[in-house]
C-alpha atoms as a PDB file:
ATOM      1  CA  MET A   1       0.000   0.000   0.000  1.00  0.00           C
ATOM      2  CA  ALA A   2       1.402   3.386  -1.035  1.00  0.00           C
ATOM      3  CA  PRO A   3       2.273   5.808   1.808  1.00  0.00           C
ATOM      4  CA  LEU A   4      -0.121   8.709   2.407  1.00  0.00           C
ATOM      5  CA  ARG A   5       0.910  12.083   1.008  1.00  0.00           C
ATOM      6  CA  LYS A   6       1.254  15.122   3.253  1.00  0.00           C
ATOM      7  CA  PHE A   7      -2.074  16.679   2.333  1.00  0.00           C
ATOM      8  CA  GLU A   8      -3.843  13.342   2.902  1.00  0.00           C
ATOM      9  CA  LEU A   9      -2.378  13.075   6.410  1.00  0.00           C
ATOM     10  CA  ALA A  10      -3.395  16.671   7.118  1.00  0.00           C
ATOM     11  CA  ARG A  11      -6.881  15.966   5.821  1.00  0.00           C
ATOM     12  CA  LEU A  12      -7.278  12.926   8.082  1.00  0.00           C
ATOM     13  CA  ARG A  13      -6.010  14.879  11.084  1.00  0.00           C
ATOM     14  CA  ARG A  14      -8.490  17.726  10.504  1.00  0.00           C
ATOM     15  CA  PHE A  15     -11.308  15.244   9.945  1.00  0.00           C
ATOM     16  CA  PHE A  16     -10.847  13.437  13.278  1.00  0.00           C
ATOM     17  CA  VAL A  17     -10.342  16.652  15.267  1.00  0.00           C
ATOM     18  CA  GLY A  18     -13.426  18.180  13.635  1.00  0.00           C
ATOM     19  CA  ALA A  19     -15.514  15.057  14.197  1.00  0.00           C
ATOM     20  CA  ILE A  20     -14.689  14.913  17.914  1.00  0.00           C
ATOM     21  CA  ARG A  21     -15.456  18.598  18.466  1.00  0.00           C
ATOM     22  CA  SER A  22     -18.637  18.477  16.424  1.00  0.00           C
ATOM     23  CA  MET A  23     -19.964  15.392  18.248  1.00  0.00           C
ATOM     24  CA  VAL A  24     -19.536  17.221  21.543  1.00  0.00           C
ATOM     25  CA  CYS A  25     -21.458  20.149  20.063  1.00  0.00           C
ATOM     26  CA  CYS A  26     -24.224  17.877  18.732  1.00  0.00           C
ATOM     27  CA  CYS A  27     -24.754  16.224  22.105  1.00  0.00           C
ATOM     28  CA  CYS A  28     -25.134  19.393  24.123  1.00  0.00           C
ATOM     29  CA  LEU A  29     -26.374  21.767  21.391  1.00  0.00           C
ATOM     30  CA  THR A  30     -24.733  24.764  23.052  1.00  0.00           C
ATOM     31  CA  PRO A  31     -23.581  27.590  20.756  1.00  0.00           C
ATOM     32  CA  GLN A  32     -19.813  27.807  20.267  1.00  0.00           C
ATOM     33  CA  LYS A  33     -17.593  30.721  19.421  1.00  0.00           C
ATOM     34  CA  MET A  34     -16.566  30.766  15.760  1.00  0.00           C
ATOM     35  CA  GLU A  35     -12.910  30.260  16.627  1.00  0.00           C
ATOM     36  CA  ASP A  36     -13.813  27.023  18.433  1.00  0.00           C
ATOM     37  CA  ILE A  37     -15.394  25.471  15.315  1.00  0.00           C
ATOM     38  CA  PRO A  38     -12.930  23.334  13.316  1.00  0.00           C
ATOM     39  CA  ARG A  39     -12.352  24.037   9.660  1.00  0.00           C
ATOM     40  CA  LYS A  40     -14.333  21.937   7.265  1.00  0.00           C
ATOM     41  CA  SER A  41     -12.117  19.178   5.923  1.00  0.00           C
ATOM     42  CA  ARG A  42     -11.764  18.777   2.187  1.00  0.00           C
ATOM     43  CA  SER A  43      -9.237  17.401  -0.231  1.00  0.00           C
ATOM     44  CA  THR A  44      -6.730  20.258  -0.407  1.00  0.00           C
ATOM     45  CA  SER A  45      -5.178  18.511  -3.391  1.00  0.00           C
ATOM     46  CA  ARG A  46      -8.060  19.814  -5.478  1.00  0.00           C
ATOM     47  CA  GLY A  47      -7.815  23.368  -4.207  1.00  0.00           C
ATOM     48  CA  THR A  48     -10.773  24.161  -1.967  1.00  0.00           C
ATOM     49  CA  THR A  49     -11.328  26.263   1.108  1.00  0.00           C
ATOM     50  CA  ASN A  50     -14.007  27.229   3.589  1.00  0.00           C
ATOM     51  CA  PRO A  51     -16.850  29.501   2.481  1.00  0.00           C
ATOM     52  CA  VAL A  52     -16.478  33.204   3.226  1.00  0.00           C
ATOM     53  CA  VAL A  53     -19.698  33.747   5.160  1.00  0.00           C
ATOM     54  CA  ASP A  54     -21.681  36.979   5.237  1.00  0.00           C
ATOM     55  CA  PRO A  55     -21.264  38.241   8.851  1.00  0.00           C
ATOM     56  CA  THR A  56     -24.606  40.082   8.901  1.00  0.00           C
ATOM     57  CA  GLU A  57     -27.625  37.845   9.435  1.00  0.00           C
ATOM     58  CA  PRO A  58     -31.198  39.166   9.785  1.00  0.00           C
ATOM     59  CA  PRO A  59     -33.210  38.013  12.803  1.00  0.00           C
ATOM     60  CA  VAL A  60     -35.077  34.767  12.210  1.00  0.00           C
ATOM     61  CA  LYS A  61     -38.849  34.852  12.295  1.00  0.00           C
ATOM     62  CA  ALA A  62     -40.087  31.311  11.877  1.00  0.00           C
ATOM     63  CA  GLN A  63     -43.650  32.435  11.227  1.00  0.00           C
ATOM     64  CA  ASN A  64     -42.502  33.927   7.907  1.00  0.00           C
ATOM     65  CA  CYS A  65     -41.872  30.397   6.573  1.00  0.00           C
ATOM     66  CA  ARG A  66     -44.477  28.005   5.290  1.00  0.00           C
ATOM     67  CA  LYS A  67     -43.143  25.183   7.461  1.00  0.00           C
ATOM     68  CA  GLN A  68     -44.495  25.241  11.020  1.00  0.00           C
ATOM     69  CA  THR A  69     -41.768  24.973  13.644  1.00  0.00           C
ATOM     70  CA  ILE A  70     -41.656  22.046  16.080  1.00  0.00           C
ATOM     71  CA  ASP A  71     -39.577  21.212  19.145  1.00  0.00           C
ATOM     72  CA  TYR A  72     -36.320  19.548  18.104  1.00  0.00           C
ATOM     73  CA  LYS A  73     -35.671  17.291  21.110  1.00  0.00           C
ATOM     74  CA  GLU A  74     -39.278  16.179  21.382  1.00  0.00           C
ATOM     75  CA  ASN A  75     -39.476  15.086  17.746  1.00  0.00           C
ATOM     76  CA  TYR A  76     -35.972  13.943  16.748  1.00  0.00           C
ATOM     77  CA  THR A  77     -33.226  11.688  18.092  1.00  0.00           C
ATOM     78  CA  PHE A  78     -29.540  12.202  17.270  1.00  0.00           C
ATOM     79  CA  LYS A  79     -28.104   9.339  15.192  1.00  0.00           C
ATOM     80  CA  SER A  80     -24.620  10.320  13.951  1.00  0.00           C
ATOM     81  CA  HIS A  81     -22.454  13.256  12.965  1.00  0.00           C
ATOM     82  CA  LEU A  82     -22.135  14.210   9.280  1.00  0.00           C
ATOM     83  CA  GLY A  83     -20.008  17.346   9.065  1.00  0.00           C
ATOM     84  CA  SER A  84     -19.234  20.825  10.348  1.00  0.00           C
ATOM     85  CA  GLY A  85     -18.396  24.273   9.045  1.00  0.00           C
ATOM     86  CA  GLY A  86     -18.772  27.984   9.684  1.00  0.00           C
ATOM     87  CA  TYR A  87     -22.569  27.593   9.896  1.00  0.00           C
ATOM     88  CA  GLY A  88     -22.443  24.927  12.634  1.00  0.00           C
ATOM     89  CA  VAL A  89     -22.870  21.163  12.348  1.00  0.00           C
ATOM     90  CA  THR A  90     -24.980  18.700  10.395  1.00  0.00           C
ATOM     91  CA  SER A  91     -26.192  15.426  11.889  1.00  0.00           C
ATOM     92  CA  LEU A  92     -28.235  12.411  10.947  1.00  0.00           C
ATOM     93  CA  VAL A  93     -31.375  12.308  13.071  1.00  0.00           C
ATOM     94  CA  THR A  94     -34.372   9.993  13.385  1.00  0.00           C
ATOM     95  CA  ASN A  95     -37.959  11.195  13.534  1.00  0.00           C
ATOM     96  CA  LYS A  96     -39.422   9.698  16.717  1.00  0.00           C
ATOM     97  CA  THR A  97     -42.899   9.362  15.190  1.00  0.00           C
ATOM     98  CA  THR A  98     -42.208   8.063  11.668  1.00  0.00           C
ATOM     99  CA  GLY A  99     -38.758   6.517  12.141  1.00  0.00           C
ATOM    100  CA  ASN A 100     -37.529   8.351   9.018  1.00  0.00           C
ATOM    101  CA  ILE A 101     -33.855   9.313   8.873  1.00  0.00           C
ATOM    102  CA  CYS A 102     -33.268  12.999   8.102  1.00  0.00           C
ATOM    103  CA  VAL A 103     -30.467  15.556   8.157  1.00  0.00           C
ATOM    104  CA  ALA A 104     -30.447  18.279  10.827  1.00  0.00           C
ATOM    105  CA  LYS A 105     -28.501  21.481  10.223  1.00  0.00           C
ATOM    106  CA  ILE A 106     -27.738  22.961  13.628  1.00  0.00           C
ATOM    107  CA  PRO A 107     -26.346  26.531  13.804  1.00  0.00           C
ATOM    108  CA  THR A 108     -23.663  27.421  16.319  1.00  0.00           C
ATOM    109  CA  LYS A 109     -23.669  31.144  15.553  1.00  0.00           C
ATOM    110  CA  GLY A 110     -26.766  33.313  15.659  1.00  0.00           C
ATOM    111  CA  LYS A 111     -30.218  31.814  15.430  1.00  0.00           C
ATOM    112  CA  GLY A 112     -30.017  30.198  12.004  1.00  0.00           C
ATOM    113  CA  SER A 113     -30.296  31.226   8.382  1.00  0.00           C
ATOM    114  CA  LEU A 114     -33.648  32.821   7.603  1.00  0.00           C
ATOM    115  CA  SER A 115     -32.757  33.002   3.903  1.00  0.00           C
ATOM    116  CA  GLU A 116     -32.123  29.250   3.772  1.00  0.00           C
ATOM    117  CA  ILE A 117     -35.381  28.377   5.541  1.00  0.00           C
ATOM    118  CA  GLN A 118     -37.386  30.622   3.238  1.00  0.00           C
ATOM    119  CA  ALA A 119     -35.634  29.298   0.118  1.00  0.00           C
ATOM    120  CA  LEU A 120     -36.137  25.627   0.994  1.00  0.00           C
ATOM    121  CA  ALA A 121     -39.761  26.270   1.990  1.00  0.00           C
ATOM    122  CA  GLU A 122     -40.510  27.686  -1.461  1.00  0.00           C
ATOM    123  CA  LEU A 123     -38.329  25.529  -3.727  1.00  0.00           C
ATOM    124  CA  THR A 124     -39.912  22.218  -4.689  1.00  0.00           C
ATOM    125  CA  HIS A 125     -37.951  20.409  -7.402  1.00  0.00           C
ATOM    126  CA  PRO A 126     -36.604  16.853  -7.902  1.00  0.00           C
ATOM    127  CA  ASN A 127     -33.051  18.235  -7.898  1.00  0.00           C
ATOM    128  CA  VAL A 128     -33.358  20.464  -4.813  1.00  0.00           C
ATOM    129  CA  VAL A 129     -33.170  18.884  -1.360  1.00  0.00           C
ATOM    130  CA  ARG A 130     -36.600  18.724   0.304  1.00  0.00           C
ATOM    131  CA  LEU A 131     -37.326  20.623   3.527  1.00  0.00           C
ATOM    132  CA  VAL A 132     -38.966  18.304   6.075  1.00  0.00           C
ATOM    133  CA  ASP A 133     -39.274  20.460   9.211  1.00  0.00           C
ATOM    134  CA  VAL A 134     -38.059  23.631  10.869  1.00  0.00           C
ATOM    135  CA  ALA A 135     -37.341  22.689  14.485  1.00  0.00           C
ATOM    136  CA  THR A 136     -36.439  24.905  17.429  1.00  0.00           C
ATOM    137  CA  GLN A 137     -34.035  24.321  20.318  1.00  0.00           C
ATOM    138  CA  GLY A 138     -34.142  27.336  22.598  1.00  0.00           C
ATOM    139  CA  LYS A 139     -33.466  30.299  20.309  1.00  0.00           C
ATOM    140  CA  LEU A 140     -31.892  28.151  17.592  1.00  0.00           C
ATOM    141  CA  ASN A 141     -33.685  27.325  14.344  1.00  0.00           C
ATOM    142  CA  ILE A 142     -32.718  23.849  13.143  1.00  0.00           C
ATOM    143  CA  ILE A 143     -33.353  22.927   9.508  1.00  0.00           C
ATOM    144  CA  ILE A 144     -34.472  19.323   8.927  1.00  0.00           C
ATOM    145  CA  THR A 145     -34.119  18.060   5.345  1.00  0.00           C
ATOM    146  CA  GLU A 146     -34.359  14.740   3.545  1.00  0.00           C
ATOM    147  CA  TYR A 147     -31.358  12.404   3.731  1.00  0.00           C
ATOM    148  CA  CYS A 148     -29.616  11.531   0.448  1.00  0.00           C
ATOM    149  CA  GLU A 149     -27.666   8.330   1.051  1.00  0.00           C
ATOM    150  CA  GLY A 150     -25.274   8.701  -1.886  1.00  0.00           C
ATOM    151  CA  GLY A 151     -23.140  11.341  -0.154  1.00  0.00           C
ATOM    152  CA  THR A 152     -21.767  14.492  -1.770  1.00  0.00           C
ATOM    153  CA  LEU A 153     -20.753  14.935  -5.393  1.00  0.00           C
ATOM    154  CA  ASP A 154     -17.355  15.986  -4.073  1.00  0.00           C
ATOM    155  CA  SER A 155     -16.875  12.519  -2.544  1.00  0.00           C
ATOM    156  CA  ALA A 156     -17.945  10.888  -5.811  1.00  0.00           C
ATOM    157  CA  VAL A 157     -15.319  12.879  -7.745  1.00  0.00           C
ATOM    158  CA  ILE A 158     -12.616  11.795  -5.278  1.00  0.00           C
ATOM    159  CA  LYS A 159     -13.767   8.167  -5.435  1.00  0.00           C
ATOM    160  CA  HIS A 160     -13.748   8.242  -9.238  1.00  0.00           C
ATOM    161  CA  ALA A 161     -10.177   9.543  -9.196  1.00  0.00           C
ATOM    162  CA  GLU A 162      -9.097   6.720  -6.874  1.00  0.00           C
ATOM    163  CA  GLN A 163     -11.147   3.940  -8.455  1.00  0.00           C
ATOM    164  CA  PRO A 164     -12.476   4.936 -11.901  1.00  0.00           C
ATOM    165  CA  TYR A 165     -16.087   4.150 -12.736  1.00  0.00           C
ATOM    166  CA  GLN A 166     -16.722   2.466 -16.087  1.00  0.00           C
ATOM    167  CA  ASP A 167     -19.750   4.679 -16.748  1.00  0.00           C
ATOM    168  CA  TRP A 168     -18.395   7.955 -15.341  1.00  0.00           C
ATOM    169  CA  GLY A 169     -18.772   9.819 -18.646  1.00  0.00           C
ATOM    170  CA  ASP A 170     -22.477   8.984 -18.805  1.00  0.00           C
ATOM    171  CA  ARG A 171     -22.901   9.972 -15.163  1.00  0.00           C
ATOM    172  CA  VAL A 172     -21.221  13.330 -15.744  1.00  0.00           C
ATOM    173  CA  ALA A 173     -23.537  14.146 -18.654  1.00  0.00           C
ATOM    174  CA  SER A 174     -26.585  13.228 -16.574  1.00  0.00           C
ATOM    175  CA  TYR A 175     -25.365  15.163 -13.516  1.00  0.00           C
ATOM    176  CA  CYS A 176     -24.688  18.290 -15.570  1.00  0.00           C
ATOM    177  CA  GLU A 177     -28.107  18.171 -17.213  1.00  0.00           C
ATOM    178  CA  GLN A 178     -29.845  17.785 -13.846  1.00  0.00           C
ATOM    179  CA  LEU A 179     -27.810  20.610 -12.311  1.00  0.00           C
ATOM    180  CA  VAL A 180     -28.604  23.016 -15.124  1.00  0.00           C
ATOM    181  CA  ARG A 181     -32.310  22.302 -14.793  1.00  0.00           C
ATOM    182  CA  ALA A 182     -32.145  22.669 -10.995  1.00  0.00           C
ATOM    183  CA  VAL A 183     -30.357  26.033 -11.164  1.00  0.00           C
ATOM    184  CA  ALA A 184     -32.768  27.202 -13.887  1.00  0.00           C
ATOM    185  CA  TYR A 185     -35.673  26.386 -11.547  1.00  0.00           C
ATOM    186  CA  VAL A 186     -34.007  28.228  -8.642  1.00  0.00           C
ATOM    187  CA  HIS A 187     -33.434  31.300 -10.839  1.00  0.00           C
ATOM    188  CA  LEU A 188     -36.979  31.121 -12.202  1.00  0.00           C
ATOM    189  CA  LYS A 189     -38.151  31.424  -8.582  1.00  0.00           C
ATOM    190  CA  ASN A 190     -35.933  34.540  -8.234  1.00  0.00           C
ATOM    191  CA  PHE A 191     -33.397  32.934  -5.900  1.00  0.00           C
ATOM    192  CA  ALA A 192     -29.616  32.936  -6.338  1.00  0.00           C
ATOM    193  CA  HIS A 193     -27.732  30.130  -4.546  1.00  0.00           C
ATOM    194  CA  LEU A 194     -24.358  31.984  -4.352  1.00  0.00           C
ATOM    195  CA  ASP A 195     -22.364  28.986  -3.050  1.00  0.00           C
ATOM    196  CA  LEU A 196     -22.611  26.291  -5.709  1.00  0.00           C
ATOM    197  CA  LYS A 197     -19.868  23.653  -5.450  1.00  0.00           C
ATOM    198  CA  THR A 198     -19.561  19.864  -5.463  1.00  0.00           C
ATOM    199  CA  GLU A 199     -19.732  19.812  -1.653  1.00  0.00           C
ATOM    200  CA  ASN A 200     -23.177  21.424  -1.827  1.00  0.00           C
ATOM    201  CA  ILE A 201     -24.563  18.784  -4.190  1.00  0.00           C
ATOM    202  CA  VAL A 202     -25.688  15.379  -2.899  1.00  0.00           C
ATOM    203  CA  LEU A 203     -26.534  12.091  -4.587  1.00  0.00           C
ATOM    204  CA  SER A 204     -29.403   9.655  -4.229  1.00  0.00           C
ATOM    205  CA  ALA A 205     -28.669   6.139  -2.945  1.00  0.00           C
ATOM    206  CA  ASP A 206     -28.312   4.782  -6.508  1.00  0.00           C
ATOM    207  CA  HIS A 207     -26.074   7.722  -7.530  1.00  0.00           C
ATOM    208  CA  LYS A 208     -28.430   8.642 -10.377  1.00  0.00           C
ATOM    209  CA  ILE A 209     -30.033  11.828  -9.013  1.00  0.00           C
ATOM    210  CA  VAL A 210     -28.230  14.968  -7.829  1.00  0.00           C
ATOM    211  CA  LYS A 211     -29.750  17.553  -5.490  1.00  0.00           C
ATOM    212  CA  LEU A 212     -28.693  21.059  -4.475  1.00  0.00           C
ATOM    213  CA  ILE A 213     -28.249  21.657  -0.742  1.00  0.00           C
ATOM    214  CA  ASP A 214     -27.049  24.442   1.577  1.00  0.00           C
ATOM    215  CA  PHE A 215     -28.954  27.588   0.671  1.00  0.00           C
ATOM    216  CA  GLY A 216     -27.443  29.432   3.627  1.00  0.00           C
ATOM    217  CA  MET A 217     -25.968  32.155   1.415  1.00  0.00           C
ATOM    218  CA  SER A 218     -28.897  32.317  -1.006  1.00  0.00           C
ATOM    219  CA  ARG A 219     -30.601  35.615  -1.754  1.00  0.00           C
ATOM    220  CA  ARG A 220     -34.014  36.339  -3.196  1.00  0.00           C
ATOM    221  CA  THR A 221     -34.175  39.194  -5.659  1.00  0.00           C
ATOM    222  CA  PRO A 222     -36.877  40.431  -8.055  1.00  0.00           C
ATOM    223  CA  HIS A 223     -34.370  40.306 -10.931  1.00  0.00           C
ATOM    224  CA  VAL A 224     -31.833  37.500 -10.486  1.00  0.00           C
ATOM    225  CA  TYR A 225     -29.822  38.598 -13.550  1.00  0.00           C
ATOM    226  CA  LYS A 226     -29.514  42.270 -12.608  1.00  0.00           C
ATOM    227  CA  ARG A 227     -26.457  43.570 -10.750  1.00  0.00           C
ATOM    228  CA  ASN A 228     -28.171  44.070  -7.393  1.00  0.00           C
ATOM    229  CA  ILE A 229     -26.263  41.893  -4.873  1.00  0.00           C
ATOM    230  CA  LYS A 230     -23.502  43.411  -2.744  1.00  0.00           C
ATOM    231  CA  VAL A 231     -22.794  40.605  -0.248  1.00  0.00           C
ATOM    232  CA  ARG A 232     -19.252  39.236  -0.635  1.00  0.00           C
ATOM    233  CA  GLY A 233     -19.056  35.510   0.067  1.00  0.00           C
ATOM    234  CA  GLY A 234     -18.734  32.037  -1.339  1.00  0.00           C
ATOM    235  CA  THR A 235     -15.933  29.516  -1.676  1.00  0.00           C
ATOM    236  CA  PRO A 236     -12.795  30.993  -3.286  1.00  0.00           C
ATOM    237  CA  TRP A 237     -12.177  28.254  -5.876  1.00  0.00           C
ATOM    238  CA  TYR A 238     -15.719  28.714  -7.215  1.00  0.00           C
ATOM    239  CA  MET A 239     -15.985  32.516  -6.970  1.00  0.00           C
ATOM    240  CA  ALA A 240     -16.720  34.490 -10.121  1.00  0.00           C
ATOM    241  CA  PRO A 241     -14.246  37.324 -10.899  1.00  0.00           C
ATOM    242  CA  GLU A 242     -16.862  40.013 -10.178  1.00  0.00           C
ATOM    243  CA  VAL A 243     -17.378  38.677  -6.625  1.00  0.00           C
ATOM    244  CA  ILE A 244     -13.726  39.074  -5.698  1.00  0.00           C
ATOM    245  CA  ASP A 245     -13.467  42.461  -7.402  1.00  0.00           C
ATOM    246  CA  THR A 246     -11.989  44.775  -4.760  1.00  0.00           C
ATOM    247  CA  LYS A 247     -14.040  47.720  -6.060  1.00  0.00           C
ATOM    248  CA  MET A 248     -17.097  46.114  -4.430  1.00  0.00           C
ATOM    249  CA  HIS A 249     -19.479  46.720  -7.330  1.00  0.00           C
ATOM    250  CA  PRO A 250     -22.916  45.033  -7.141  1.00  0.00           C
ATOM    251  CA  TYR A 251     -23.111  41.827  -9.147  1.00  0.00           C
ATOM    252  CA  SER A 252     -25.701  39.509 -10.666  1.00  0.00           C
ATOM    253  CA  GLY A 253     -26.438  36.475  -8.514  1.00  0.00           C
ATOM    254  CA  GLY A 254     -27.588  34.563 -11.578  1.00  0.00           C
ATOM    255  CA  LYS A 255     -24.316  35.083 -13.460  1.00  0.00           C
ATOM    256  CA  VAL A 256     -22.311  34.157 -10.337  1.00  0.00           C
ATOM    257  CA  ASP A 257     -24.207  30.863 -10.086  1.00  0.00           C
ATOM    258  CA  VAL A 258     -23.498  30.137 -13.763  1.00  0.00           C
ATOM    259  CA  TRP A 259     -19.758  30.686 -13.214  1.00  0.00           C
ATOM    260  CA  ALA A 260     -19.734  28.386 -10.170  1.00  0.00           C
ATOM    261  CA  LEU A 261     -21.666  25.758 -12.109  1.00  0.00           C
ATOM    262  CA  GLY A 262     -19.023  25.984 -14.839  1.00  0.00           C
ATOM    263  CA  CYS A 263     -16.401  25.247 -12.165  1.00  0.00           C
ATOM    264  CA  VAL A 264     -18.450  22.209 -11.089  1.00  0.00           C
ATOM    265  CA  PHE A 265     -18.596  21.017 -14.722  1.00  0.00           C
ATOM    266  CA  TYR A 266     -14.817  21.438 -14.996  1.00  0.00           C
ATOM    267  CA  GLU A 267     -14.307  19.482 -11.773  1.00  0.00           C
ATOM    268  CA  LEU A 268     -16.539  16.648 -12.959  1.00  0.00           C
ATOM    269  CA  CYS A 269     -14.638  16.431 -16.250  1.00  0.00           C
ATOM    270  CA  THR A 270     -11.086  16.790 -14.919  1.00  0.00           C
ATOM    271  CA  GLY A 271     -11.187  15.856 -11.224  1.00  0.00           C
ATOM    272  CA  GLN A 272      -9.955  19.268 -10.082  1.00  0.00           C
ATOM    273  CA  VAL A 273     -11.171  22.860  -9.954  1.00  0.00           C
ATOM    274  CA  PRO A 274      -9.955  25.518 -12.420  1.00  0.00           C
ATOM    275  CA  TYR A 275      -6.725  27.407 -11.668  1.00  0.00           C
ATOM    276  CA  TYR A 276      -5.449  24.612  -9.448  1.00  0.00           C
ATOM    277  CA  LYS A 277      -1.694  24.176  -8.974  1.00  0.00           C
ATOM    278  CA  GLU A 278       0.109  21.438  -7.067  1.00  0.00           C
ATOM    279  CA  GLU A 279       2.104  24.079  -5.195  1.00  0.00           C
ATOM    280  CA  ALA A 280      -1.129  25.145  -3.500  1.00  0.00           C
ATOM    281  CA  ASP A 281      -1.562  21.767  -1.768  1.00  0.00           C
ATOM    282  CA  GLU A 282      -0.129  22.871   1.564  1.00  0.00           C
ATOM    283  CA  LEU A 283      -1.545  26.405   1.648  1.00  0.00           C
ATOM    284  CA  ASP A 284      -4.028  27.450   4.306  1.00  0.00           C
ATOM    285  CA  ASP A 285      -7.326  29.197   3.546  1.00  0.00           C
ATOM    286  CA  ARG A 286      -5.919  32.740   3.393  1.00  0.00           C
ATOM    287  CA  ASP A 287      -3.055  31.730   1.123  1.00  0.00           C
ATOM    288  CA  LEU A 288      -5.421  29.843  -1.164  1.00  0.00           C
ATOM    289  CA  LEU A 289      -7.640  32.906  -1.452  1.00  0.00           C
ATOM    290  CA  ARG A 290      -4.569  35.061  -2.160  1.00  0.00           C
ATOM    291  CA  TYR A 291      -3.485  32.618  -4.863  1.00  0.00           C
ATOM    292  CA  TYR A 292      -6.914  32.725  -6.500  1.00  0.00           C
ATOM    293  CA  LEU A 293      -6.922  36.530  -6.417  1.00  0.00           C
ATOM    294  CA  ALA A 294      -3.531  36.457  -8.162  1.00  0.00           C
ATOM    295  CA  CYS A 295      -5.115  34.341 -10.915  1.00  0.00           C
ATOM    296  CA  CYS A 296      -7.901  36.914 -11.254  1.00  0.00           C
ATOM    297  CA  LYS A 297      -6.004  40.175 -11.489  1.00  0.00           C
ATOM    298  CA  ASN A 298      -8.161  43.040 -12.731  1.00  0.00           C
ATOM    299  CA  GLY A 299     -11.194  40.770 -12.589  1.00  0.00           C
ATOM    300  CA  LYS A 300      -9.915  38.563 -15.433  1.00  0.00           C
ATOM    301  CA  PRO A 301      -8.684  35.068 -14.565  1.00  0.00           C
ATOM    302  CA  ALA A 302      -5.867  33.407 -16.438  1.00  0.00           C
ATOM    303  CA  PHE A 303      -6.986  31.289 -19.376  1.00  0.00           C
ATOM    304  CA  VAL A 304      -8.158  27.871 -18.228  1.00  0.00           C
ATOM    305  CA  ARG A 305      -6.754  24.924 -20.147  1.00  0.00           C
ATOM    306  CA  LEU A 306      -8.025  21.373 -20.101  1.00  0.00           C
ATOM    307  CA  PRO A 307      -5.540  18.753 -18.890  1.00  0.00           C
ATOM    308  CA  SER A 308      -3.285  17.133 -21.491  1.00  0.00           C
ATOM    309  CA  THR A 309      -4.998  13.810 -20.745  1.00  0.00           C
ATOM    310  CA  PHE A 310      -8.103  15.094 -22.560  1.00  0.00           C
ATOM    311  CA  SER A 311      -8.420  13.744 -26.080  1.00  0.00           C
ATOM    312  CA  GLN A 312      -9.275  16.007 -29.005  1.00  0.00           C
ATOM    313  CA  HIS A 313     -12.734  14.436 -29.069  1.00  0.00           C
ATOM    314  CA  GLN A 314     -13.305  15.287 -25.386  1.00  0.00           C
ATOM    315  CA  LYS A 315     -12.235  18.885 -25.961  1.00  0.00           C
ATOM    316  CA  CYS A 316     -14.853  19.329 -28.674  1.00  0.00           C
ATOM    317  CA  THR A 317     -17.895  17.827 -26.965  1.00  0.00           C
ATOM    318  CA  PRO A 318     -21.030  19.987 -26.440  1.00  0.00           C
ATOM    319  CA  LEU A 319     -20.529  19.665 -22.671  1.00  0.00           C
ATOM    320  CA  THR A 320     -17.008  21.092 -22.868  1.00  0.00           C
ATOM    321  CA  THR A 321     -18.233  23.887 -25.140  1.00  0.00           C
ATOM    322  CA  ALA A 322     -20.921  24.740 -22.592  1.00  0.00           C
ATOM    323  CA  MET A 323     -18.285  24.834 -19.860  1.00  0.00           C
ATOM    324  CA  TRP A 324     -16.283  27.509 -21.690  1.00  0.00           C
ATOM    325  CA  VAL A 325     -19.256  29.854 -22.150  1.00  0.00           C
ATOM    326  CA  MET A 326     -20.023  29.459 -18.440  1.00  0.00           C
ATOM    327  CA  LEU A 327     -16.452  30.342 -17.462  1.00  0.00           C
ATOM    328  CA  GLU A 328     -16.505  33.628 -19.387  1.00  0.00           C
ATOM    329  CA  PRO A 329     -14.744  36.207 -17.137  1.00  0.00           C
ATOM    330  CA  THR A 330     -16.923  39.137 -18.238  1.00  0.00           C
ATOM    331  CA  PRO A 331     -20.385  38.832 -16.640  1.00  0.00           C
ATOM    332  CA  GLU A 332     -22.143  40.628 -19.500  1.00  0.00           C
ATOM    333  CA  LYS A 333     -20.773  38.089 -21.996  1.00  0.00           C
ATOM    334  CA  ARG A 334     -21.382  35.044 -19.792  1.00  0.00           C
ATOM    335  CA  ILE A 335     -24.318  32.863 -20.756  1.00  0.00           C
ATOM    336  CA  ASP A 336     -27.416  32.805 -18.544  1.00  0.00           C
ATOM    337  CA  ILE A 337     -28.918  29.556 -17.264  1.00  0.00           C
ATOM    338  CA  PHE A 338     -32.013  29.757 -19.486  1.00  0.00           C
ATOM    339  CA  SER A 339     -29.905  30.029 -22.648  1.00  0.00           C
ATOM    340  CA  LEU A 340     -27.786  27.173 -21.333  1.00  0.00           C
ATOM    341  CA  CYS A 341     -30.903  24.984 -21.167  1.00  0.00           C
ATOM    342  CA  LYS A 342     -31.211  25.308 -24.964  1.00  0.00           C
ATOM    343  CA  LEU A 343     -27.726  23.984 -25.738  1.00  0.00           C
ATOM    344  CA  SER A 344     -27.339  20.644 -27.501  1.00  0.00           C
ATOM    345  CA  PHE A 345     -25.948  18.701 -24.543  1.00  0.00           C
ATOM    346  CA  LEU A 346     -29.347  19.065 -22.850  1.00  0.00           C
ATOM    347  CA  GLN A 347     -31.393  17.982 -25.821  1.00  0.00           C
ATOM    348  CA  GLY A 348     -30.545  14.274 -25.784  1.00  0.00           C
END
């Protein structure tokens, strides 16, 4: 068995430390300070960092949501820990009445994301995770959603790299088609996700259906393709150039989602995110963000090239062509999701 590389050892170390801390938090459900929450572990070999979260959060009013709130401890039993991040922790829970297994998103800062509750309450689509309940624990609002047993798309990409699937090409085409239709539905409902990435996409048990999750940064706007969002946030490796523009101009949430989706397409096709370099393996979050900013000087990222392992046929597929129009640095020239739905790779 080959020895583990440095970034793999670091990833395992962060995972176990994070799991232990998060389990303690899940058991007692007491809010923690942000500095006490471990960083979310990911494969640093593919260049990813923690989301930059909007520090301002409006007060939560559960009565504004269509889902009626229930008492968390009275209705759900903790089953196991799933993950943690700047928002708090996620856990598998069991409904005491039905016995159904669900996912609970438990905030450890503030009361919980009002924007996420409102978005999930209004979005009903086969490729968007379903909101089951909004539960309360003291002043906390806990989001209960359906459980997708296939894990995250990020994990599937890593698994494919380690043990290639025979039908991965067909899966990628299907995943991309489903994701485009899901984002088109979200935009049609005047929501912008603003943190699309493979970690925020989950798979069904048979790995055939993908679903968007984590609408914690989402914003509702009357015109999703107008430049009317000023909040700076997201995950650096998936940020559009206009989001990291230091001039702080308003941007279009719709065009930002299209860029991030293009990064997801690239990752599905190549196994890594755009602008990745091996030298960035050991960098921490701030250094990774600094490296990405260097790639996007003056709001224009360096030209993205497909890996040399791609054949000429792969470089000319409709899916690859779609990826390039999504990764257009200038927002005004970047394709919108509704035009993307009309491209040939979605017509089969």
